[in-house]
Amino acid sequence: MRFLNLSRCLLVSAILVCVFPSAAKALSQDQMNIYNSGINYFDVEAGGSGGSCISGGTLPAAIPEPANGIFTAAATKFGVPAALVGAIYFVENNGKQGTDPSVYKWRDPPPPYGQGSPYLVSSASAKGPFQFLDGTWASQGQDGNGDGTTDVLDLTDAAFGAAHYLKVLVDHAGGNIEMAAGGYEAGHPVDSEYGKDAYALYQYFLTGSTGGTAAPNPCGDISAYRNPLRDVSPLDSSLGIDAGVDYGGEGPVYALGDATVDVANPNSGWVGGNVVAYTLSSGPAAGKTVYVAENCTVAPGIQAGQHISSGTVICNMHNAYPFMETGWAISGTSTPIAYWPNGAKCYYFEQDPANPIKDKTSTAYGTNFNDLMVKLNVKSAPTISSNVTCSLPSDWPKW
């Protein structure tokens, strides 16, 4: 890879990136920041509005964790395909092998990301997992793991640097991915041999397998949502996760985002009577229904069929037992039904007298909703059982 003059190039706007890989190994503390809980590298709008949340698995298993999530996060930040970042890694660590993806092998990174041997230095002195020359790294290097340094040998830093450079090349090539891929080695988008090899891998990773189709990313941009408990004071997040999440405190409760009210019932079967349910119309949870129940009096004017937003107060919370509960609801019911353990179905109405239950079980739906609230700057609630029951559908958004 030779140096390209970037003095006239512009960068894309920074966004929030969270990485949640499944197999981090023996990491240093700064790397644990990105792997264990995510790290907010960039400015976030006041009031709890979030940015992108990237989970692993958006690329095929041929790119294992933690690289899978790292490449996806880097690509999302700079607005290039994750498949292109993965393709460049494979070509740079295998050399030009032609356009048959099967001949390219995964190059296991050295510790702490894997158990592979140190990266080779090319005859042109290109270094690291993405083979940067010193001059190119000086202009493209990124602090991907948030440790205050830009290390060309660190997989996260180098992947973010590669995505940054690829964004410039894609723009320079007028959006032509094959030309941009060729430009990664040559410094300008004309190297057809490298470009064709990398483009073949890009197509392979884009579909996930030969002839397949790409699986949708279960995560997405949560900027459509705001913290619905931002004006509750003092907010108590210690009450636990069951079908949803229980919260204590006094104050207005807003909708998460743009939605339509399904139910606004001050005389429901929930303890405390009140319940509001609404179906989101934007963001990665579009089509999912949220319930807010128990000690939260339905706000005046809130009614079924009403269009609401993150600025709409839907109920007013009271700091009294059994406290307010919110989470994912089964849609299309006259009284919102929370997802709750019931054999393989994992739900029934919490207050159904025909199905008495012990209100001390944490569910996957409750923990998932808690994860979303944490991303919106609400302190995490604890699980209240040793085992979390049920499992989420494969297409359910992750946070």
Protein backbone atom coordinates (compact mmCIF):
# COMPACT_ATOMS: atom_id res chain seq x y z
CA MET A 1 0.00 0.00 0.00
CA ARG A 2 1.48 3.34 -1.05
CA PHE A 3 0.67 6.78 0.32
CA LEU A 4 -2.26 8.81 -1.01
CA ASN A 5 -2.43 12.57 -0.54
CA LEU A 6 -5.49 13.10 1.66
CA SER A 7 -5.25 16.85 2.19
CA ARG A 8 -8.53 17.50 0.41
CA CYS A 9 -10.53 14.64 1.94
CA LEU A 10 -13.28 15.04 4.51
CA LEU A 11 -14.21 12.65 7.33
CA VAL A 12 -17.71 11.45 8.14
CA SER A 13 -19.36 12.55 11.38
CA ALA A 14 -18.43 10.55 14.47
CA ILE A 15 -21.05 8.29 16.01
CA LEU A 16 -21.31 6.16 19.12
CA VAL A 17 -19.97 2.63 18.70
CA CYS A 18 -20.47 -0.30 21.08
CA VAL A 19 -18.86 -3.69 20.54
CA PHE A 20 -20.13 -6.85 22.21
CA PRO A 21 -18.04 -9.79 21.03
CA SER A 22 -18.60 -13.29 22.32
CA ALA A 23 -15.05 -14.51 22.81
CA ALA A 24 -12.64 -11.86 24.08
CA LYS A 25 -9.40 -13.31 25.42
CA ALA A 26 -6.89 -12.20 28.06
CA LEU A 27 -7.27 -8.53 27.30
CA SER A 28 -5.59 -5.50 28.78
CA GLN A 29 -7.76 -3.07 30.74
CA ASP A 30 -8.20 -0.58 27.89
CA GLN A 31 -9.26 -3.40 25.57
CA MET A 32 -11.65 -4.70 28.20
CA ASN A 33 -13.37 -1.31 27.98
CA ILE A 34 -14.46 -1.96 24.42
CA TYR A 35 -15.21 -5.66 24.85
CA ASN A 36 -17.00 -5.90 28.17
CA SER A 37 -19.29 -2.90 28.29
CA GLY A 38 -18.67 -0.79 25.24
CA ILE A 39 -16.98 2.59 25.35
CA ASN A 40 -18.45 5.91 24.32
CA TYR A 41 -15.61 7.38 22.26
CA PHE A 42 -17.59 10.22 20.77
CA ASP A 43 -20.01 12.92 21.84
CA VAL A 44 -23.55 11.78 22.66
CA GLU A 45 -26.56 14.07 22.59
CA ALA A 46 -27.61 15.24 26.04
CA GLY A 47 -30.67 13.54 27.42
CA GLY A 48 -29.64 10.01 26.65
CA SER A 49 -29.97 9.81 22.89
CA GLY A 50 -27.69 7.07 21.64
CA GLY A 51 -25.90 6.14 18.45
CA SER A 52 -25.02 2.88 16.73
CA CYS A 53 -24.78 -0.38 18.61
CA ILE A 54 -22.81 -3.07 16.85
CA SER A 55 -23.00 -6.72 17.82
CA GLY A 56 -20.91 -9.54 16.41
CA GLY A 57 -22.26 -11.87 13.79
CA THR A 58 -23.00 -9.37 11.02
CA LEU A 59 -20.16 -10.96 9.08
CA PRO A 60 -19.98 -14.73 8.48
CA ALA A 61 -18.27 -17.11 10.89
CA ALA A 62 -15.24 -17.16 8.59
CA ILE A 63 -14.37 -13.96 10.46
CA PRO A 64 -14.56 -15.05 14.12
CA GLU A 65 -14.97 -12.91 17.21
CA PRO A 66 -13.68 -10.57 18.41
CA ALA A 67 -12.60 -9.47 14.91
CA ASN A 68 -16.13 -9.86 13.57
CA GLY A 69 -17.53 -7.20 15.90
CA ILE A 70 -14.45 -4.98 15.59
CA PHE A 71 -14.58 -4.92 11.78
CA THR A 72 -18.33 -4.23 11.84
CA ALA A 73 -17.98 -1.41 14.37
CA ALA A 74 -15.14 0.20 12.41
CA ALA A 75 -17.04 -0.04 9.13
CA THR A 76 -20.19 1.43 10.65
CA LYS A 77 -18.36 4.38 12.15
CA PHE A 78 -16.91 5.43 8.79
CA GLY A 79 -19.81 4.40 6.55
CA VAL A 80 -18.25 1.58 4.55
CA PRO A 81 -19.37 -2.07 4.24
CA ALA A 82 -18.12 -4.38 6.98
CA ALA A 83 -17.61 -6.98 4.25
CA LEU A 84 -15.04 -4.69 2.62
CA VAL A 85 -13.03 -4.32 5.83
CA GLY A 86 -13.06 -8.11 6.23
CA ALA A 87 -11.98 -8.62 2.63
CA ILE A 88 -9.00 -6.28 3.00
CA TYR A 89 -7.88 -8.12 6.15
CA PHE A 90 -7.96 -11.48 4.32
CA VAL A 91 -6.07 -10.23 1.26
CA GLU A 92 -3.48 -8.37 3.31
CA ASN A 93 -2.80 -11.50 5.36
CA ASN A 94 -2.84 -14.00 2.47
CA GLY A 95 -1.45 -12.07 -0.46
CA LYS A 96 -2.97 -12.09 -3.93
CA GLN A 97 -4.46 -15.56 -4.34
CA GLY A 98 -7.03 -14.94 -7.08
CA THR A 99 -10.78 -14.55 -6.91
CA ASP A 100 -11.67 -17.93 -5.33
CA PRO A 101 -12.58 -17.12 -1.70
CA SER A 102 -11.96 -20.71 -0.59
CA VAL A 103 -8.18 -20.36 -0.94
CA TYR A 104 -8.02 -17.50 1.56
CA LYS A 105 -7.51 -18.58 5.17
CA TRP A 106 -8.27 -16.81 8.45
CA ARG A 107 -5.10 -15.34 9.89
CA ASP A 108 -5.46 -15.66 13.67
CA PRO A 109 -4.30 -12.40 15.29
CA PRO A 110 -1.53 -12.47 17.90
CA PRO A 111 -2.41 -11.96 21.59
CA PRO A 112 -4.48 -10.46 23.10
CA TYR A 113 -6.97 -10.97 20.26
CA GLY A 114 -5.93 -14.51 19.36
CA GLN A 115 -3.05 -16.94 19.55
CA GLY A 116 -1.42 -16.24 16.19
CA SER A 117 2.17 -15.26 15.48
CA PRO A 118 3.22 -11.60 15.15
CA TYR A 119 2.22 -9.80 11.96
CA LEU A 120 4.77 -9.81 9.18
CA VAL A 121 6.43 -6.66 7.87
CA SER A 122 6.35 -6.44 4.08
CA SER A 123 9.32 -5.70 1.85
CA ALA A 124 7.93 -2.14 1.58
CA SER A 125 7.80 -1.92 5.43
CA ALA A 126 4.00 -2.17 5.64
CA LYS A 127 3.00 -3.26 9.15
CA GLY A 128 0.22 -4.75 11.21
CA PRO A 129 -3.03 -6.57 10.52
CA PHE A 130 -3.98 -4.14 7.74
CA GLN A 131 -0.43 -3.58 6.42
CA PHE A 132 -0.07 0.19 6.72
CA LEU A 133 2.97 2.11 5.55
CA ASP A 134 4.19 4.63 8.09
CA GLY A 135 3.13 7.63 6.00
CA THR A 136 -0.39 6.31 5.43
CA TRP A 137 -0.80 5.37 9.09
CA ALA A 138 0.25 8.86 10.10
CA SER A 139 -2.80 10.27 8.30
CA GLN A 140 -5.24 7.37 8.72
CA GLY A 141 -4.39 5.85 12.12
CA GLN A 142 -7.25 5.69 14.63
CA ASP A 143 -7.54 5.08 18.37
CA GLY A 144 -10.15 2.36 17.96
CA ASN A 145 -9.95 0.92 21.47
CA GLY A 146 -9.92 4.24 23.31
CA ASP A 147 -6.59 3.81 25.10
CA GLY A 148 -5.17 7.15 23.96
CA THR A 149 -2.75 5.72 21.40
CA THR A 150 -2.87 4.80 17.70
CA ASP A 151 -1.06 1.48 17.41
CA VAL A 152 -0.68 0.08 13.90
CA LEU A 153 -0.15 -3.40 15.40
CA ASP A 154 -3.37 -3.33 17.45
CA LEU A 155 -6.24 -5.08 15.66
CA THR A 156 -8.90 -2.57 16.78
CA ASP A 157 -6.85 0.54 16.00
CA ALA A 158 -5.79 -0.87 12.64
CA ALA A 159 -9.33 -1.94 11.67
CA PHE A 160 -10.67 1.54 12.45
CA GLY A 161 -7.77 3.04 10.48
CA ALA A 162 -8.50 0.74 7.54
CA ALA A 163 -12.20 1.67 7.56
CA HIS A 164 -11.25 5.36 7.71
CA TYR A 165 -8.92 4.94 4.72
CA LEU A 166 -11.47 2.88 2.78
CA LYS A 167 -14.07 5.62 3.25
CA VAL A 168 -11.72 8.08 1.57
CA LEU A 169 -11.03 5.60 -1.25
CA VAL A 170 -14.70 4.82 -1.80
CA ASP A 171 -15.49 8.53 -2.05
CA HIS A 172 -12.50 9.05 -4.34
CA ALA A 173 -13.76 6.22 -6.58
CA GLY A 174 -17.29 7.64 -6.76
CA GLY A 175 -18.70 4.75 -4.72
CA ASN A 176 -17.11 2.01 -6.82
CA ILE A 177 -16.19 -0.68 -4.26
CA GLU A 178 -13.93 -2.68 -6.56
CA MET A 179 -11.90 0.39 -7.52
CA ALA A 180 -11.67 1.44 -3.88
CA ALA A 181 -10.50 -2.02 -2.86
CA GLY A 182 -7.76 -1.87 -5.47
CA GLY A 183 -6.80 1.57 -4.27
CA TYR A 184 -6.11 0.24 -0.77
CA GLU A 185 -2.93 -1.36 -2.02
CA ALA A 186 -1.94 0.99 -4.80
CA GLY A 187 -2.85 4.32 -3.26
CA HIS A 188 -5.15 5.04 -6.18
CA PRO A 189 -8.09 3.00 -7.53
CA VAL A 190 -6.45 1.34 -10.54
CA ASP A 191 -4.84 -1.86 -9.25
CA SER A 192 -7.14 -4.37 -10.93
CA GLU A 193 -5.49 -7.57 -9.64
CA TYR A 194 -5.67 -6.62 -5.97
CA GLY A 195 -9.06 -5.01 -6.51
CA LYS A 196 -10.56 -8.09 -8.14
CA ASP A 197 -9.23 -10.37 -5.42
CA ALA A 198 -10.50 -8.12 -2.63
CA TYR A 199 -13.81 -7.55 -4.43
CA ALA A 200 -14.40 -11.31 -4.72
CA LEU A 201 -13.89 -11.65 -0.97
CA TYR A 202 -16.08 -8.62 -0.35
CA GLN A 203 -18.94 -10.29 -2.27
CA TYR A 204 -18.39 -13.52 -0.35
CA PHE A 205 -18.47 -11.80 3.04
CA LEU A 206 -21.40 -9.64 2.00
CA THR A 207 -23.59 -12.71 1.46
CA GLY A 208 -22.16 -14.72 4.34
CA SER A 209 -21.64 -17.75 2.14
CA THR A 210 -21.37 -18.52 -1.57
CA GLY A 211 -24.74 -17.89 -3.16
CA GLY A 212 -26.31 -16.85 0.13
CA THR A 213 -27.84 -13.63 1.33
CA ALA A 214 -26.57 -11.35 4.04
CA ALA A 215 -28.20 -11.71 7.44
CA PRO A 216 -29.61 -8.41 8.71
CA ASN A 217 -27.72 -6.72 11.50
CA PRO A 218 -29.86 -7.22 14.63
CA CYS A 219 -28.46 -4.02 16.09
CA GLY A 220 -28.97 -0.59 14.71
CA ASP A 221 -28.95 3.13 15.28
CA ILE A 222 -30.70 3.89 18.59
CA SER A 223 -30.65 7.63 17.98
CA ALA A 224 -34.40 7.25 17.33
CA TYR A 225 -34.85 6.62 21.06
CA ARG A 226 -34.43 8.72 24.19
CA ASN A 227 -34.30 7.86 27.86
CA PRO A 228 -38.00 7.68 28.86
CA LEU A 229 -37.15 8.12 32.56
CA ARG A 230 -34.94 11.18 32.15
CA ASP A 231 -37.11 13.38 34.39
CA VAL A 232 -37.85 10.82 37.11
CA SER A 233 -36.22 11.79 40.40
CA PRO A 234 -34.73 10.10 42.26
CA LEU A 235 -34.70 7.16 39.84
CA ASP A 236 -34.26 3.78 41.56
CA SER A 237 -32.95 1.06 39.22
CA SER A 238 -32.30 -1.51 41.96
CA LEU A 239 -35.72 -3.21 41.97
CA GLY A 240 -34.91 -5.93 39.47
CA ILE A 241 -35.63 -7.52 36.10
CA ASP A 242 -38.52 -9.94 35.62
CA ALA A 243 -40.87 -9.83 32.60
CA GLY A 244 -39.72 -6.24 32.22
CA VAL A 245 -37.78 -3.88 34.46
CA ASP A 246 -39.08 -2.37 37.70
CA TYR A 247 -38.22 1.23 38.59
CA GLY A 248 -38.91 3.49 41.56
CA GLY A 249 -39.16 7.28 41.66
CA GLU A 250 -41.46 10.18 40.92
CA GLY A 251 -41.96 11.99 37.64
CA PRO A 252 -43.13 11.83 34.03
CA VAL A 253 -42.49 8.80 31.84
CA TYR A 254 -42.03 9.51 28.13
CA ALA A 255 -42.34 7.24 25.11
CA LEU A 256 -39.06 5.75 23.87
CA GLY A 257 -39.57 7.20 20.39
CA ASP A 258 -42.05 7.63 17.56
CA ALA A 259 -44.92 5.23 18.11
CA THR A 260 -48.68 4.63 18.08
CA VAL A 261 -50.57 4.05 21.33
CA ASP A 262 -52.25 0.62 21.44
CA VAL A 263 -53.72 0.76 24.95
CA ALA A 264 -54.19 3.51 27.55
CA ASN A 265 -56.12 1.91 30.40
CA PRO A 266 -56.35 3.33 33.93
CA ASN A 267 -58.36 0.27 35.05
CA SER A 268 -56.36 -2.67 33.71
CA GLY A 269 -55.69 -5.98 35.39
CA TRP A 270 -52.22 -4.88 36.39
CA VAL A 271 -51.49 -4.15 40.03
CA GLY A 272 -52.02 -0.42 40.44
CA GLY A 273 -54.48 -0.48 37.56
CA ASN A 274 -52.72 1.74 35.03
CA VAL A 275 -51.12 0.49 31.83
CA VAL A 276 -50.03 2.13 28.57
CA ALA A 277 -48.75 0.19 25.57
CA TYR A 278 -47.39 1.59 22.33
CA THR A 279 -45.84 0.15 19.17
CA LEU A 280 -42.62 1.75 17.97
CA SER A 281 -42.46 2.95 14.37
CA SER A 282 -38.74 3.78 14.06
CA GLY A 283 -35.32 2.49 15.04
CA PRO A 284 -34.17 -1.14 15.29
CA ALA A 285 -37.19 -2.07 17.46
CA ALA A 286 -39.75 -0.74 14.96
CA GLY A 287 -42.86 -2.93 15.16
CA LYS A 288 -42.13 -3.98 18.75
CA THR A 289 -44.59 -3.05 21.51
CA VAL A 290 -43.62 -1.48 24.83
CA TYR A 291 -45.73 -1.57 27.99
CA VAL A 292 -45.57 0.75 31.01
CA ALA A 293 -47.67 -0.54 33.88
CA GLU A 294 -48.60 -0.43 37.55
CA ASN A 295 -47.78 2.74 39.51
CA CYS A 296 -47.79 5.12 36.57
CA THR A 297 -51.01 7.10 36.11
CA VAL A 298 -52.02 7.43 32.47
CA ALA A 299 -51.35 11.00 31.34
CA PRO A 300 -54.33 13.17 30.35
CA GLY A 301 -55.18 12.90 26.67
CA ILE A 302 -53.27 9.68 26.00
CA GLN A 303 -55.53 7.32 24.07
CA ALA A 304 -55.42 4.36 21.71
CA GLY A 305 -54.56 5.27 18.11
CA GLN A 306 -52.66 8.40 19.10
CA HIS A 307 -49.28 9.08 17.47
CA ILE A 308 -46.62 9.90 20.07
CA SER A 309 -42.90 10.69 20.17
CA SER A 310 -39.98 10.68 22.60
CA GLY A 311 -41.24 14.04 23.85
CA THR A 312 -44.70 12.73 24.78
CA VAL A 313 -45.46 12.08 28.45
CA ILE A 314 -47.49 8.86 28.52
CA CYS A 315 -47.89 8.45 32.28
CA ASN A 316 -46.77 9.87 35.60
CA MET A 317 -44.80 7.58 37.87
CA HIS A 318 -45.37 7.24 41.64
CA ASN A 319 -42.76 5.99 44.07
CA ALA A 320 -44.89 3.32 45.73
CA TYR A 321 -45.17 -0.46 45.75
CA PRO A 322 -45.42 -2.38 43.44
CA PHE A 323 -43.57 0.36 41.55
CA MET A 324 -43.57 0.99 37.82
CA GLU A 325 -42.72 -1.81 35.39
CA THR A 326 -41.85 -1.44 31.72
CA GLY A 327 -40.69 -3.84 29.02
CA TRP A 328 -41.66 -5.61 25.81
CA ALA A 329 -45.32 -6.57 25.36
CA ILE A 330 -47.11 -8.98 23.09
CA SER A 331 -48.96 -6.71 20.68
CA GLY A 332 -52.56 -6.86 19.55
CA THR A 333 -54.16 -7.47 22.94
CA SER A 334 -56.73 -5.39 24.78
CA THR A 335 -54.66 -5.60 27.95
CA PRO A 336 -50.91 -5.70 27.24
CA ILE A 337 -49.37 -9.09 27.93
CA ALA A 338 -45.77 -9.08 29.05
CA TYR A 339 -43.45 -11.80 27.83
CA TRP A 340 -43.39 -14.19 30.76
CA PRO A 341 -42.25 -17.81 31.34
CA ASN A 342 -44.84 -20.35 30.22
CA GLY A 343 -43.06 -23.40 28.91
CA ALA A 344 -41.52 -22.84 25.49
CA LYS A 345 -43.74 -19.83 24.77
CA CYS A 346 -42.16 -17.68 27.46
CA TYR A 347 -45.18 -15.55 28.26
CA TYR A 348 -48.49 -15.07 29.95
CA PHE A 349 -50.25 -12.17 31.60
CA GLU A 350 -48.60 -11.47 34.92
CA GLN A 351 -51.89 -11.03 36.78
CA ASP A 352 -53.83 -13.91 35.17
CA PRO A 353 -55.55 -15.63 38.14
CA ALA A 354 -55.70 -18.90 36.23
CA ASN A 355 -51.92 -18.95 36.00
CA PRO A 356 -50.51 -18.00 39.38
CA ILE A 357 -46.77 -17.40 39.25
CA LYS A 358 -43.90 -16.49 41.47
CA ASP A 359 -42.91 -12.93 40.65
CA LYS A 360 -39.22 -13.67 41.09
CA THR A 361 -38.09 -14.80 37.66
CA SER A 362 -35.89 -12.83 35.24
CA THR A 363 -36.58 -13.29 31.54
CA ALA A 364 -34.55 -12.77 28.40
CA TYR A 365 -37.08 -10.13 27.31
CA GLY A 366 -36.62 -8.23 30.56
CA THR A 367 -32.83 -8.34 30.35
CA ASN A 368 -32.99 -7.21 26.70
CA PHE A 369 -35.14 -4.21 27.62
CA ASN A 370 -32.74 -3.42 30.47
CA ASP A 371 -29.86 -3.49 27.96
CA LEU A 372 -31.64 -0.87 25.86
CA MET A 373 -32.25 1.32 28.89
CA VAL A 374 -28.57 1.07 29.83
CA LYS A 375 -27.63 2.30 26.36
CA LEU A 376 -29.95 5.26 27.01
CA ASN A 377 -27.96 6.13 30.16
CA VAL A 378 -30.19 4.44 32.75
CA LYS A 379 -28.34 2.52 35.45
CA SER A 380 -28.63 -1.24 34.95
CA ALA A 381 -31.17 -3.16 37.02
CA PRO A 382 -30.17 -6.51 38.59
CA THR A 383 -31.60 -9.88 37.64
CA ILE A 384 -33.67 -11.38 40.46
CA SER A 385 -33.22 -15.07 39.71
CA SER A 386 -30.16 -17.25 39.27
CA ASN A 387 -31.25 -18.29 35.78
CA VAL A 388 -32.69 -16.04 33.07
CA THR A 389 -35.60 -17.89 31.48
CA CYS A 390 -36.50 -18.13 27.79
CA SER A 391 -34.53 -16.98 24.79
CA LEU A 392 -35.06 -14.20 22.29
CA PRO A 393 -36.00 -14.80 18.64
CA SER A 394 -32.97 -14.64 16.35
CA ASP A 395 -34.17 -11.40 14.75
CA TRP A 396 -34.80 -9.58 18.02
CA PRO A 397 -32.73 -6.36 18.30
CA LYS A 398 -29.70 -6.57 20.57
CA TRP A 399 -28.28 -3.63 22.46
